[in-house]
Amino acid sequence: MVRRFRGESHHKVDTKGRVSIPASFRRVLESSDPNWTPGDAPELVIVYGDHRRNYLECYTMAAIEEVDDKIDALPRGSMERKMLQRLFHGQSYPTNVDETGRLVLPAKLRQKIGLEGEAFFIAAGDTFQIWKPETYEEEELAKTEEWLDELPEDFDPLVFLDGAKGD
């Protein structure tokens, strides 16, 4: 069974763009990197995407290979394949975790999302996201709260799993 990212945390970003990754996230990266061995630095791919994306999405090697396989299954030359290749191959940054458990985020990526002194990490299953904390609170947290506020007080979101595949 594939390990999943879980949790959220805040981490300092230094002037060189170095930021520590939560330890539990590093374990998932290690277990999802087929080339990783103890003592090595696990690899990952950071997808920064188009102008609408206000966060960095970090894919394990297993997760990005799944995306790549789905892109490769599309007809060669199709607009969908070309656009997905641009978004996931072109607008991405392959990297690894350094020996101290940090990522080095290039200036281009930090500037894209306005990241300065602090980063907010949040798990998203087989990926995790890096946000400027204020942007996350204004955009994503607000969306979640709005969605929940529209539901009855006694509503349990687990009901949505009843229609999930694999039942």
C-alpha atoms as a PDB file:
ATOM      1  CA  MET A   1       0.000   0.000   0.000  1.00  0.00           C
ATOM      2  CA  VAL A   2       1.296   3.434  -0.937  1.00  0.00           C
ATOM      3  CA  ARG A   3       1.913   5.817   1.932  1.00  0.00           C
ATOM      4  CA  ARG A   4       0.047   9.121   1.856  1.00  0.00           C
ATOM      5  CA  PHE A   5       1.012  12.589   2.963  1.00  0.00           C
ATOM      6  CA  ARG A   6      -0.946  13.720   6.008  1.00  0.00           C
ATOM      7  CA  GLY A   7      -1.013  16.926   8.027  1.00  0.00           C
ATOM      8  CA  GLU A   8      -0.044  20.559   7.683  1.00  0.00           C
ATOM      9  CA  SER A   9       2.726  22.752   9.069  1.00  0.00           C
ATOM     10  CA  HIS A  10       4.527  26.069   8.795  1.00  0.00           C
ATOM     11  CA  HIS A  11       8.270  26.282   8.051  1.00  0.00           C
ATOM     12  CA  LYS A  12      10.761  29.116   7.720  1.00  0.00           C
ATOM     13  CA  VAL A  13      12.198  29.893   4.288  1.00  0.00           C
ATOM     14  CA  ASP A  14      15.703  31.356   4.318  1.00  0.00           C
ATOM     15  CA  THR A  15      17.065  33.929   1.861  1.00  0.00           C
ATOM     16  CA  LYS A  16      18.520  31.159  -0.338  1.00  0.00           C
ATOM     17  CA  GLY A  17      15.100  29.505  -0.644  1.00  0.00           C
ATOM     18  CA  ARG A  18      15.860  26.590   1.654  1.00  0.00           C
ATOM     19  CA  VAL A  19      12.899  25.209   3.573  1.00  0.00           C
ATOM     20  CA  SER A  20      12.653  22.120   5.780  1.00  0.00           C
ATOM     21  CA  ILE A  21      10.157  19.473   4.728  1.00  0.00           C
ATOM     22  CA  PRO A  22       8.067  17.903   7.503  1.00  0.00           C
ATOM     23  CA  ALA A  23       9.760  14.671   8.597  1.00  0.00           C
ATOM     24  CA  SER A  24       6.651  12.577   7.912  1.00  0.00           C
ATOM     25  CA  PHE A  25       6.564  13.981   4.348  1.00  0.00           C
ATOM     26  CA  ARG A  26      10.191  12.896   3.832  1.00  0.00           C
ATOM     27  CA  ARG A  27       9.260   9.311   4.766  1.00  0.00           C
ATOM     28  CA  VAL A  28       6.538   9.295   2.094  1.00  0.00           C
ATOM     29  CA  LEU A  29       8.957  10.705  -0.504  1.00  0.00           C
ATOM     30  CA  GLU A  30      11.464   7.981   0.354  1.00  0.00           C
ATOM     31  CA  SER A  31       8.919   5.165   0.155  1.00  0.00           C
ATOM     32  CA  SER A  32       7.567   6.452  -3.177  1.00  0.00           C
ATOM     33  CA  ASP A  33      10.940   6.858  -4.903  1.00  0.00           C
ATOM     34  CA  PRO A  34      11.885   3.562  -6.586  1.00  0.00           C
ATOM     35  CA  ASN A  35      15.556   4.631  -6.774  1.00  0.00           C
ATOM     36  CA  TRP A  36      15.854   5.682  -3.128  1.00  0.00           C
ATOM     37  CA  THR A  37      18.117   3.767  -0.739  1.00  0.00           C
ATOM     38  CA  PRO A  38      18.952   4.712   2.867  1.00  0.00           C
ATOM     39  CA  GLY A  39      21.454   7.545   2.893  1.00  0.00           C
ATOM     40  CA  ASP A  40      20.276   8.865  -0.492  1.00  0.00           C
ATOM     41  CA  ALA A  41      18.239  11.981  -1.114  1.00  0.00           C
ATOM     42  CA  PRO A  42      14.686  11.160  -2.258  1.00  0.00           C
ATOM     43  CA  GLU A  43      13.587  12.764  -5.512  1.00  0.00           C
ATOM     44  CA  LEU A  44      10.372  14.622  -6.231  1.00  0.00           C
ATOM     45  CA  VAL A  45       8.884  16.872  -8.891  1.00  0.00           C
ATOM     46  CA  ILE A  46       7.498  20.316  -8.092  1.00  0.00           C
ATOM     47  CA  VAL A  47       4.759  21.362 -10.516  1.00  0.00           C
ATOM     48  CA  TYR A  48       4.232  25.109 -10.559  1.00  0.00           C
ATOM     49  CA  GLY A  49       1.841  25.214 -13.501  1.00  0.00           C
ATOM     50  CA  ASP A  50       0.104  28.129 -15.105  1.00  0.00           C
ATOM     51  CA  HIS A  51      -0.757  31.644 -13.931  1.00  0.00           C
ATOM     52  CA  ARG A  52      -3.871  30.436 -12.077  1.00  0.00           C
ATOM     53  CA  ARG A  53      -1.914  28.195  -9.710  1.00  0.00           C
ATOM     54  CA  ASN A  54      -1.005  30.041  -6.497  1.00  0.00           C
ATOM     55  CA  TYR A  55       0.893  27.173  -4.895  1.00  0.00           C
ATOM     56  CA  LEU A  56       3.574  24.612  -5.653  1.00  0.00           C
ATOM     57  CA  GLU A  57       2.437  20.992  -5.902  1.00  0.00           C
ATOM     58  CA  CYS A  58       5.067  18.432  -4.933  1.00  0.00           C
ATOM     59  CA  TYR A  59       4.722  14.982  -6.483  1.00  0.00           C
ATOM     60  CA  THR A  60       6.401  11.807  -5.324  1.00  0.00           C
ATOM     61  CA  MET A  61       8.188   9.942  -8.098  1.00  0.00           C
ATOM     62  CA  ALA A  62       5.425   7.300  -8.063  1.00  0.00           C
ATOM     63  CA  ALA A  63       2.690   9.959  -8.333  1.00  0.00           C
ATOM     64  CA  ILE A  64       4.341  11.866 -11.196  1.00  0.00           C
ATOM     65  CA  GLU A  65       4.956   8.592 -13.062  1.00  0.00           C
ATOM     66  CA  GLU A  66       1.219   7.873 -12.810  1.00  0.00           C
ATOM     67  CA  VAL A  67       0.469  11.322 -14.283  1.00  0.00           C
ATOM     68  CA  ASP A  68       3.077  10.762 -17.018  1.00  0.00           C
ATOM     69  CA  ASP A  69       1.527   7.405 -17.928  1.00  0.00           C
ATOM     70  CA  LYS A  70      -1.907   9.026 -18.280  1.00  0.00           C
ATOM     71  CA  ILE A  71      -0.493  11.814 -20.444  1.00  0.00           C
ATOM     72  CA  ASP A  72       1.327   9.241 -22.607  1.00  0.00           C
ATOM     73  CA  ALA A  73      -1.966   7.369 -23.111  1.00  0.00           C
ATOM     74  CA  LEU A  74      -3.517  10.400 -24.830  1.00  0.00           C
ATOM     75  CA  PRO A  75      -3.298  10.589 -28.623  1.00  0.00           C
ATOM     76  CA  ARG A  76       0.032  12.009 -29.762  1.00  0.00           C
ATOM     77  CA  GLY A  77      -0.512  15.469 -31.205  1.00  0.00           C
ATOM     78  CA  SER A  78      -3.835  16.025 -29.427  1.00  0.00           C
ATOM     79  CA  MET A  79      -4.360  19.407 -27.786  1.00  0.00           C
ATOM     80  CA  GLU A  80      -5.040  17.724 -24.437  1.00  0.00           C
ATOM     81  CA  ARG A  81      -1.718  15.893 -24.545  1.00  0.00           C
ATOM     82  CA  LYS A  82       0.192  18.999 -25.624  1.00  0.00           C
ATOM     83  CA  MET A  83      -1.332  21.125 -22.856  1.00  0.00           C
ATOM     84  CA  LEU A  84      -0.828  18.505 -20.147  1.00  0.00           C
ATOM     85  CA  GLN A  85       2.772  18.013 -21.255  1.00  0.00           C
ATOM     86  CA  ARG A  86       3.315  21.756 -21.005  1.00  0.00           C
ATOM     87  CA  LEU A  87       1.708  21.943 -17.537  1.00  0.00           C
ATOM     88  CA  PHE A  88       3.291  18.817 -16.038  1.00  0.00           C
ATOM     89  CA  HIS A  89       6.562  18.453 -17.951  1.00  0.00           C
ATOM     90  CA  GLY A  90       7.430  22.002 -18.952  1.00  0.00           C
ATOM     91  CA  GLN A  91       6.130  23.866 -15.912  1.00  0.00           C
ATOM     92  CA  SER A  92       7.759  21.635 -13.361  1.00  0.00           C
ATOM     93  CA  TYR A  93      11.010  21.390 -11.471  1.00  0.00           C
ATOM     94  CA  PRO A  94      12.637  18.017 -10.697  1.00  0.00           C
ATOM     95  CA  THR A  95      14.612  18.155  -7.463  1.00  0.00           C
ATOM     96  CA  ASN A  96      15.538  16.212  -4.363  1.00  0.00           C
ATOM     97  CA  VAL A  97      15.570  16.613  -0.617  1.00  0.00           C
ATOM     98  CA  ASP A  98      19.019  17.614   0.648  1.00  0.00           C
ATOM     99  CA  GLU A  99      20.925  15.760   3.382  1.00  0.00           C
ATOM    100  CA  THR A 100      19.410  18.015   6.078  1.00  0.00           C
ATOM    101  CA  GLY A 101      15.807  17.361   4.997  1.00  0.00           C
ATOM    102  CA  ARG A 102      15.328  20.603   3.087  1.00  0.00           C
ATOM    103  CA  LEU A 103      14.166  21.660  -0.342  1.00  0.00           C
ATOM    104  CA  VAL A 104      15.890  24.464  -2.168  1.00  0.00           C
ATOM    105  CA  LEU A 105      13.184  26.441  -3.963  1.00  0.00           C
ATOM    106  CA  PRO A 106      14.556  28.497  -6.867  1.00  0.00           C
ATOM    107  CA  ALA A 107      13.776  32.234  -6.901  1.00  0.00           C
ATOM    108  CA  LYS A 108      11.453  31.752  -9.906  1.00  0.00           C
ATOM    109  CA  LEU A 109       9.195  29.402  -7.916  1.00  0.00           C
ATOM    110  CA  ARG A 110       9.253  31.549  -4.776  1.00  0.00           C
ATOM    111  CA  GLN A 111       8.390  34.640  -6.811  1.00  0.00           C
ATOM    112  CA  LYS A 112       5.559  32.870  -8.615  1.00  0.00           C
ATOM    113  CA  ILE A 113       3.659  32.311  -5.362  1.00  0.00           C
ATOM    114  CA  GLY A 114       5.048  35.296  -3.412  1.00  0.00           C
ATOM    115  CA  LEU A 115       6.877  33.084  -0.925  1.00  0.00           C
ATOM    116  CA  GLU A 116       9.184  34.932   1.443  1.00  0.00           C
ATOM    117  CA  GLY A 117       9.872  34.210   5.106  1.00  0.00           C
ATOM    118  CA  GLU A 118       7.484  31.334   5.761  1.00  0.00           C
ATOM    119  CA  ALA A 119       5.907  28.470   3.836  1.00  0.00           C
ATOM    120  CA  PHE A 120       2.741  26.559   4.598  1.00  0.00           C
ATOM    121  CA  PHE A 121       2.782  22.829   3.781  1.00  0.00           C
ATOM    122  CA  ILE A 122      -0.454  20.875   3.444  1.00  0.00           C
ATOM    123  CA  ALA A 123      -0.898  17.219   2.555  1.00  0.00           C
ATOM    124  CA  ALA A 124      -3.001  16.251  -0.458  1.00  0.00           C
ATOM    125  CA  GLY A 125      -2.848  12.434  -0.532  1.00  0.00           C
ATOM    126  CA  ASP A 126      -0.062  11.422  -2.900  1.00  0.00           C
ATOM    127  CA  THR A 127       1.106  15.036  -3.288  1.00  0.00           C
ATOM    128  CA  PHE A 128       1.658  17.943  -0.958  1.00  0.00           C
ATOM    129  CA  GLN A 129       1.344  21.638  -1.565  1.00  0.00           C
ATOM    130  CA  ILE A 130       3.510  24.583  -0.573  1.00  0.00           C
ATOM    131  CA  TRP A 131       1.682  27.890  -0.140  1.00  0.00           C
ATOM    132  CA  LYS A 132       2.376  31.401   1.019  1.00  0.00           C
ATOM    133  CA  PRO A 133       0.483  31.170   4.347  1.00  0.00           C
ATOM    134  CA  GLU A 134      -1.644  34.267   3.729  1.00  0.00           C
ATOM    135  CA  THR A 135      -2.684  33.078   0.262  1.00  0.00           C
ATOM    136  CA  TYR A 136      -3.751  29.703   1.634  1.00  0.00           C
ATOM    137  CA  GLU A 137      -5.850  31.309   4.364  1.00  0.00           C
ATOM    138  CA  GLU A 138      -7.484  33.804   1.983  1.00  0.00           C
ATOM    139  CA  GLU A 139      -8.197  31.355  -0.826  1.00  0.00           C
ATOM    140  CA  GLU A 140      -8.278  27.700   0.147  1.00  0.00           C
ATOM    141  CA  LEU A 141      -9.232  27.855   3.795  1.00  0.00           C
ATOM    142  CA  ALA A 142     -11.998  30.320   2.944  1.00  0.00           C
ATOM    143  CA  LYS A 143     -13.336  27.939   0.231  1.00  0.00           C
ATOM    144  CA  THR A 144     -13.388  25.027   2.681  1.00  0.00           C
ATOM    145  CA  GLU A 145     -15.174  27.026   5.361  1.00  0.00           C
ATOM    146  CA  GLU A 146     -17.704  28.343   2.834  1.00  0.00           C
ATOM    147  CA  TRP A 147     -18.382  24.822   1.557  1.00  0.00           C
ATOM    148  CA  LEU A 148     -18.857  23.466   5.080  1.00  0.00           C
ATOM    149  CA  ASP A 149     -21.107  26.405   6.051  1.00  0.00           C
ATOM    150  CA  GLU A 150     -23.481  25.505   3.200  1.00  0.00           C
ATOM    151  CA  LEU A 151     -23.969  21.993   4.620  1.00  0.00           C
ATOM    152  CA  PRO A 152     -26.357  21.123   7.457  1.00  0.00           C
ATOM    153  CA  GLU A 153     -24.829  21.268  10.959  1.00  0.00           C
ATOM    154  CA  ASP A 154     -25.069  17.487  11.413  1.00  0.00           C
ATOM    155  CA  PHE A 155     -23.751  16.644   7.912  1.00  0.00           C
ATOM    156  CA  ASP A 156     -20.872  14.167   7.805  1.00  0.00           C
ATOM    157  CA  PRO A 157     -18.590  14.654   4.746  1.00  0.00           C
ATOM    158  CA  LEU A 158     -17.741  10.921   4.849  1.00  0.00           C
ATOM    159  CA  VAL A 159     -21.068  10.342   3.079  1.00  0.00           C
ATOM    160  CA  PHE A 160     -19.330  11.428  -0.140  1.00  0.00           C
ATOM    161  CA  LEU A 161     -17.187   8.285   0.059  1.00  0.00           C
ATOM    162  CA  ASP A 162     -20.246   6.075  -0.422  1.00  0.00           C
ATOM    163  CA  GLY A 163     -20.123   6.659  -4.178  1.00  0.00           C
ATOM    164  CA  ALA A 164     -16.355   6.242  -4.509  1.00  0.00           C
ATOM    165  CA  LYS A 165     -14.867   3.645  -6.866  1.00  0.00           C
ATOM    166  CA  GLY A 166     -13.972   0.317  -5.337  1.00  0.00           C
ATOM    167  CA  ASP A 167     -17.130  -0.092  -3.258  1.00  0.00           C
END
